[in-house]
N, C-alpha and C. Protein backbone atom coordinates (compact mmCIF):
# COMPACT_ATOMS: atom_id res chain seq x y z
N UNK A 1 84.92 74.95 72.24
CA UNK A 1 85.99 75.92 72.01
C UNK A 1 85.45 77.30 71.66
N UNK A 2 84.13 77.48 71.67
CA UNK A 2 83.56 78.79 71.38
C UNK A 2 83.64 79.73 72.59
N UNK A 3 83.75 79.14 73.77
CA UNK A 3 83.87 79.93 75.00
C UNK A 3 85.24 79.69 75.61
N UNK A 4 85.80 80.71 76.30
CA UNK A 4 87.12 80.51 76.92
C UNK A 4 87.19 79.29 77.84
N UNK A 5 86.10 78.98 78.51
CA UNK A 5 86.10 77.84 79.42
C UNK A 5 86.24 76.51 78.69
N UNK A 6 85.95 76.47 77.39
CA UNK A 6 86.05 75.24 76.62
C UNK A 6 87.36 75.09 75.87
N UNK A 7 88.30 76.01 76.09
CA UNK A 7 89.58 75.97 75.37
C UNK A 7 90.72 75.52 76.29
N UNK A 8 91.63 74.79 75.69
CA UNK A 8 92.87 74.46 76.40
C UNK A 8 93.74 75.72 76.42
N UNK A 9 94.84 75.68 77.17
CA UNK A 9 95.75 76.82 77.25
C UNK A 9 96.31 77.18 75.87
N UNK A 10 96.68 76.18 75.09
CA UNK A 10 97.23 76.45 73.75
C UNK A 10 96.15 76.98 72.81
N UNK A 11 94.93 76.49 72.95
CA UNK A 11 93.83 77.01 72.12
C UNK A 11 93.53 78.47 72.48
N UNK A 12 93.57 78.78 73.75
CA UNK A 12 93.32 80.15 74.20
C UNK A 12 94.43 81.08 73.70
N UNK A 13 95.66 80.60 73.73
CA UNK A 13 96.79 81.40 73.22
C UNK A 13 96.60 81.69 71.72
N UNK A 14 96.23 80.68 70.95
CA UNK A 14 96.01 80.87 69.52
C UNK A 14 94.82 81.78 69.26
N UNK A 15 93.76 81.63 70.03
CA UNK A 15 92.58 82.48 69.89
C UNK A 15 92.96 83.94 70.12
N UNK A 16 93.70 84.21 71.18
CA UNK A 16 94.11 85.59 71.50
C UNK A 16 95.02 86.15 70.42
N UNK A 17 95.95 85.32 69.94
CA UNK A 17 96.86 85.73 68.88
C UNK A 17 96.09 86.15 67.63
N UNK A 18 95.17 85.29 67.19
CA UNK A 18 94.39 85.59 65.99
C UNK A 18 93.46 86.77 66.19
N UNK A 19 92.85 86.87 67.35
CA UNK A 19 91.96 87.99 67.64
C UNK A 19 92.71 89.31 67.56
N UNK A 20 93.90 89.37 68.14
CA UNK A 20 94.73 90.56 68.10
C UNK A 20 95.10 90.92 66.66
N UNK A 21 95.56 89.93 65.93
CA UNK A 21 95.99 90.14 64.54
C UNK A 21 94.82 90.58 63.65
N UNK A 22 93.69 89.93 63.77
CA UNK A 22 92.54 90.25 62.92
C UNK A 22 91.93 91.61 63.27
N UNK A 23 91.92 91.97 64.54
CA UNK A 23 91.42 93.29 64.93
C UNK A 23 92.31 94.39 64.35
N UNK A 24 93.63 94.19 64.43
CA UNK A 24 94.57 95.16 63.87
C UNK A 24 94.36 95.26 62.35
N UNK A 25 94.30 94.13 61.68
CA UNK A 25 94.17 94.08 60.22
C UNK A 25 92.89 94.74 59.73
N UNK A 26 91.81 94.56 60.48
CA UNK A 26 90.50 95.06 60.08
C UNK A 26 90.51 96.58 59.85
N UNK A 27 91.30 97.29 60.61
CA UNK A 27 91.31 98.75 60.54
C UNK A 27 92.51 99.33 59.80
N UNK A 28 93.23 98.52 59.05
CA UNK A 28 94.44 98.98 58.36
C UNK A 28 94.21 99.07 56.86
N UNK A 29 93.95 100.27 56.39
CA UNK A 29 93.75 100.50 54.96
C UNK A 29 94.97 100.05 54.15
N UNK A 30 96.16 100.25 54.70
CA UNK A 30 97.38 99.89 53.99
C UNK A 30 97.44 98.40 53.67
N UNK A 31 96.88 97.58 54.52
CA UNK A 31 96.86 96.13 54.29
C UNK A 31 95.86 95.77 53.20
N UNK A 32 94.74 96.45 53.18
CA UNK A 32 93.67 96.13 52.22
C UNK A 32 93.92 96.70 50.83
N UNK A 33 94.44 97.92 50.76
CA UNK A 33 94.55 98.55 49.45
C UNK A 33 95.91 99.19 49.16
N UNK A 34 96.87 99.00 50.05
CA UNK A 34 98.20 99.55 49.82
C UNK A 34 98.94 98.80 48.73
N UNK A 35 99.98 99.43 48.23
CA UNK A 35 100.84 98.78 47.25
C UNK A 35 101.71 97.76 47.98
N UNK A 36 102.26 96.84 47.20
CA UNK A 36 103.07 95.78 47.79
C UNK A 36 104.43 95.74 47.12
N UNK A 37 105.47 95.61 47.93
CA UNK A 37 106.83 95.45 47.41
C UNK A 37 107.43 94.22 48.05
N UNK A 38 107.75 93.23 47.23
CA UNK A 38 108.30 91.96 47.71
C UNK A 38 109.80 91.91 47.46
N UNK A 39 110.48 91.15 48.31
CA UNK A 39 111.91 90.91 48.14
C UNK A 39 112.13 89.41 47.99
N UNK A 40 113.14 89.08 47.22
CA UNK A 40 113.47 87.67 46.99
C UNK A 40 113.83 87.05 48.34
N UNK A 41 113.26 85.90 48.66
CA UNK A 41 113.60 85.25 49.93
C UNK A 41 115.11 84.97 50.02
N UNK A 42 115.65 85.18 51.23
CA UNK A 42 117.07 84.94 51.48
C UNK A 42 117.21 84.11 52.74
N UNK A 43 117.92 83.03 52.63
CA UNK A 43 118.25 82.20 53.79
C UNK A 43 117.01 81.82 54.60
N UNK A 44 115.93 81.49 53.90
CA UNK A 44 114.70 81.05 54.58
C UNK A 44 113.83 82.17 55.11
N UNK A 45 114.13 83.43 54.74
CA UNK A 45 113.35 84.57 55.22
C UNK A 45 112.74 85.31 54.03
N UNK A 46 111.43 85.52 54.10
CA UNK A 46 110.68 86.24 53.07
C UNK A 46 110.19 87.55 53.68
N UNK A 47 110.45 88.65 52.98
CA UNK A 47 110.07 89.99 53.47
C UNK A 47 109.30 90.71 52.38
N UNK A 48 108.23 91.38 52.80
CA UNK A 48 107.54 92.29 51.90
C UNK A 48 107.02 93.48 52.67
N UNK A 49 106.71 94.53 51.93
CA UNK A 49 106.18 95.77 52.50
C UNK A 49 104.83 96.06 51.89
N UNK A 50 103.92 96.59 52.69
CA UNK A 50 102.66 97.16 52.20
C UNK A 50 102.74 98.64 52.54
N UNK A 51 102.41 99.49 51.57
CA UNK A 51 102.56 100.92 51.80
C UNK A 51 101.54 101.72 51.00
N UNK A 52 101.23 102.90 51.53
CA UNK A 52 100.42 103.88 50.83
C UNK A 52 100.95 105.26 51.20
N UNK A 53 100.23 106.32 50.91
CA UNK A 53 100.71 107.67 51.20
C UNK A 53 100.77 107.96 52.70
N UNK A 54 100.06 107.19 53.51
CA UNK A 54 99.96 107.47 54.94
C UNK A 54 100.85 106.59 55.82
N UNK A 55 101.06 105.33 55.41
CA UNK A 55 101.80 104.43 56.29
C UNK A 55 102.47 103.29 55.52
N UNK A 56 103.42 102.66 56.22
CA UNK A 56 104.15 101.52 55.66
C UNK A 56 104.25 100.43 56.72
N UNK A 57 104.05 99.20 56.28
CA UNK A 57 104.13 98.04 57.16
C UNK A 57 105.11 97.05 56.54
N UNK A 58 106.01 96.52 57.38
CA UNK A 58 106.97 95.51 56.95
C UNK A 58 106.55 94.16 57.54
N UNK A 59 106.49 93.14 56.70
CA UNK A 59 106.12 91.81 57.14
C UNK A 59 107.28 90.87 56.78
N UNK A 60 107.72 90.07 57.76
CA UNK A 60 108.83 89.14 57.52
C UNK A 60 108.47 87.77 58.09
N UNK A 61 108.74 86.73 57.31
CA UNK A 61 108.51 85.35 57.70
C UNK A 61 109.85 84.62 57.75
N UNK A 62 110.11 83.94 58.84
CA UNK A 62 111.32 83.13 58.97
C UNK A 62 110.90 81.66 58.96
N UNK A 63 111.29 80.94 57.93
CA UNK A 63 110.92 79.54 57.79
C UNK A 63 111.97 78.58 58.38
N UNK A 64 113.03 79.13 58.96
CA UNK A 64 114.07 78.29 59.55
C UNK A 64 113.56 77.63 60.82
N UNK A 65 113.84 76.36 60.95
CA UNK A 65 113.31 75.55 62.05
C UNK A 65 113.83 75.97 63.42
N UNK A 66 115.13 76.22 63.54
CA UNK A 66 115.72 76.47 64.86
C UNK A 66 116.56 77.74 64.94
N UNK A 67 116.54 78.57 63.91
CA UNK A 67 117.45 79.70 63.87
C UNK A 67 116.71 81.02 63.69
N UNK A 68 116.91 81.93 64.64
CA UNK A 68 116.40 83.30 64.48
C UNK A 68 117.28 83.98 63.43
N UNK A 69 116.71 84.91 62.69
CA UNK A 69 117.46 85.61 61.65
C UNK A 69 117.38 87.11 61.89
N UNK A 70 118.52 87.78 61.74
CA UNK A 70 118.58 89.24 61.80
C UNK A 70 118.54 89.74 60.37
N UNK A 71 117.59 90.62 60.09
CA UNK A 71 117.43 91.14 58.73
C UNK A 71 118.55 92.12 58.40
N UNK A 72 119.06 92.04 57.19
CA UNK A 72 120.08 92.97 56.71
C UNK A 72 119.36 94.21 56.19
N UNK A 73 119.37 95.28 56.97
CA UNK A 73 118.61 96.48 56.62
C UNK A 73 119.08 97.11 55.31
N UNK A 74 120.30 96.85 54.87
CA UNK A 74 120.78 97.40 53.60
C UNK A 74 119.96 96.89 52.43
N UNK A 75 119.52 95.64 52.52
CA UNK A 75 118.73 95.04 51.44
C UNK A 75 117.39 95.77 51.29
N UNK A 76 116.85 96.23 52.41
CA UNK A 76 115.52 96.85 52.42
C UNK A 76 115.59 98.38 52.55
N UNK A 77 116.76 98.95 52.31
CA UNK A 77 117.00 100.38 52.52
C UNK A 77 116.01 101.26 51.79
N UNK A 78 115.67 100.91 50.57
CA UNK A 78 114.73 101.72 49.79
C UNK A 78 113.37 101.81 50.48
N UNK A 79 112.90 100.72 51.01
CA UNK A 79 111.60 100.70 51.67
C UNK A 79 111.65 101.22 53.10
N UNK A 80 112.83 101.18 53.73
CA UNK A 80 112.98 101.68 55.10
C UNK A 80 113.37 103.16 55.15
N UNK A 81 113.65 103.74 53.99
CA UNK A 81 114.09 105.14 53.94
C UNK A 81 113.05 106.05 54.60
N UNK A 82 113.54 106.90 55.50
CA UNK A 82 112.67 107.83 56.19
C UNK A 82 112.05 107.29 57.47
N UNK A 83 112.26 106.03 57.75
CA UNK A 83 111.72 105.42 58.96
C UNK A 83 112.86 105.14 59.95
N UNK A 84 112.60 105.43 61.22
CA UNK A 84 113.64 105.27 62.24
C UNK A 84 113.25 104.33 63.37
N UNK A 85 111.97 103.99 63.43
CA UNK A 85 111.50 103.09 64.48
C UNK A 85 110.23 102.40 63.99
N UNK A 86 109.67 101.58 64.85
CA UNK A 86 108.44 100.89 64.49
C UNK A 86 107.85 100.18 65.68
N UNK A 87 106.70 99.58 65.44
CA UNK A 87 106.04 98.80 66.48
C UNK A 87 105.68 97.44 65.88
N UNK A 88 106.12 96.38 66.54
CA UNK A 88 105.80 95.03 66.11
C UNK A 88 104.41 94.74 66.67
N UNK A 89 103.44 94.54 65.78
CA UNK A 89 102.04 94.53 66.23
C UNK A 89 101.62 93.24 66.93
N UNK A 90 102.27 92.14 66.67
CA UNK A 90 101.88 90.89 67.32
C UNK A 90 102.26 90.91 68.80
N UNK A 91 103.49 91.36 69.09
CA UNK A 91 103.95 91.41 70.48
C UNK A 91 103.69 92.75 71.15
N UNK A 92 103.49 93.79 70.32
CA UNK A 92 103.33 95.14 70.87
C UNK A 92 104.65 95.80 71.19
N UNK A 93 105.75 95.16 70.89
CA UNK A 93 107.08 95.66 71.21
C UNK A 93 107.46 96.84 70.32
N UNK A 94 107.96 97.91 70.94
CA UNK A 94 108.49 99.05 70.20
C UNK A 94 109.88 98.70 69.70
N UNK A 95 110.18 99.11 68.48
CA UNK A 95 111.49 98.85 67.88
C UNK A 95 112.14 100.20 67.61
N UNK A 96 113.27 100.45 68.26
CA UNK A 96 113.94 101.73 68.13
C UNK A 96 115.16 101.67 67.21
N UNK A 97 115.48 100.49 66.72
CA UNK A 97 116.62 100.32 65.83
C UNK A 97 116.22 99.39 64.69
N UNK A 98 115.98 99.95 63.54
CA UNK A 98 115.56 99.14 62.39
C UNK A 98 116.73 98.42 61.72
N UNK A 99 117.94 98.64 62.23
CA UNK A 99 119.11 97.94 61.69
C UNK A 99 119.26 96.55 62.28
N UNK A 100 118.55 96.27 63.36
CA UNK A 100 118.68 94.97 64.03
C UNK A 100 117.31 94.32 64.23
N UNK A 101 116.62 94.08 63.16
CA UNK A 101 115.31 93.43 63.25
C UNK A 101 115.54 91.92 63.25
N UNK A 102 115.10 91.28 64.33
CA UNK A 102 115.28 89.84 64.49
C UNK A 102 113.94 89.14 64.30
N UNK A 103 113.95 88.10 63.47
CA UNK A 103 112.75 87.30 63.25
C UNK A 103 113.00 85.92 63.86
N UNK A 104 112.24 85.57 64.90
CA UNK A 104 112.44 84.26 65.54
C UNK A 104 112.18 83.11 64.57
N UNK A 105 112.70 81.92 64.89
CA UNK A 105 112.48 80.76 64.01
C UNK A 105 111.00 80.42 63.87
N UNK A 106 110.65 79.95 62.68
CA UNK A 106 109.27 79.51 62.38
C UNK A 106 108.23 80.50 62.86
N UNK A 107 108.45 81.78 62.51
CA UNK A 107 107.49 82.80 62.93
C UNK A 107 107.47 83.95 61.94
N UNK A 108 106.61 84.90 62.24
CA UNK A 108 106.49 86.10 61.41
C UNK A 108 106.47 87.32 62.33
N UNK A 109 106.89 88.45 61.77
CA UNK A 109 106.75 89.72 62.46
C UNK A 109 106.06 90.69 61.53
N UNK A 110 105.31 91.59 62.12
CA UNK A 110 104.62 92.65 61.37
C UNK A 110 105.00 93.95 62.05
N UNK A 111 105.67 94.84 61.33
CA UNK A 111 106.18 96.06 61.93
C UNK A 111 105.53 97.27 61.26
N UNK A 112 104.81 98.06 62.05
CA UNK A 112 104.30 99.35 61.58
C UNK A 112 105.47 100.32 61.69
N UNK A 113 105.93 100.82 60.56
CA UNK A 113 107.09 101.70 60.55
C UNK A 113 106.71 103.13 60.90
N UNK A 114 107.63 103.81 61.62
CA UNK A 114 107.40 105.19 62.07
C UNK A 114 108.57 106.06 61.66
N UNK A 115 108.26 107.29 61.23
CA UNK A 115 109.36 108.22 60.84
C UNK A 115 110.25 108.58 62.02
C-alpha cells in the first residue's frame, strides 16, 4: 500500500483524501496557533471555528447516519460576521451563500471563510 499500484480503489481514495487534507493543514497557521471557538453540538452536528487576525476557518462534523444537515447560520452569526463566501477545502467547492451550509451525513466540512 506504499505505492499506488499496491492500493485498492478505496485505499487510493483515502490516501488522496488524507494527502489533500494534510497538505492544506501543514501550511495553515490558523489551524496550528489560531484561537478556537466551539459551539454546543446540535442535532448530531458539532461546529467550531479557528481564527486569527488573518483568517477564519469553520469546521463542522455531522454524526447523523443517514441525514444531511443544513447549518443554522444565525447560531454562528458572531463568527460568520464579515464573511460572505468560502471555500470547502476537502472538495474544493466554492461556497457563495453561507446561509445554506450543508454537511453530508457521517462527514465533515472545512470552510475557509472569505470576506
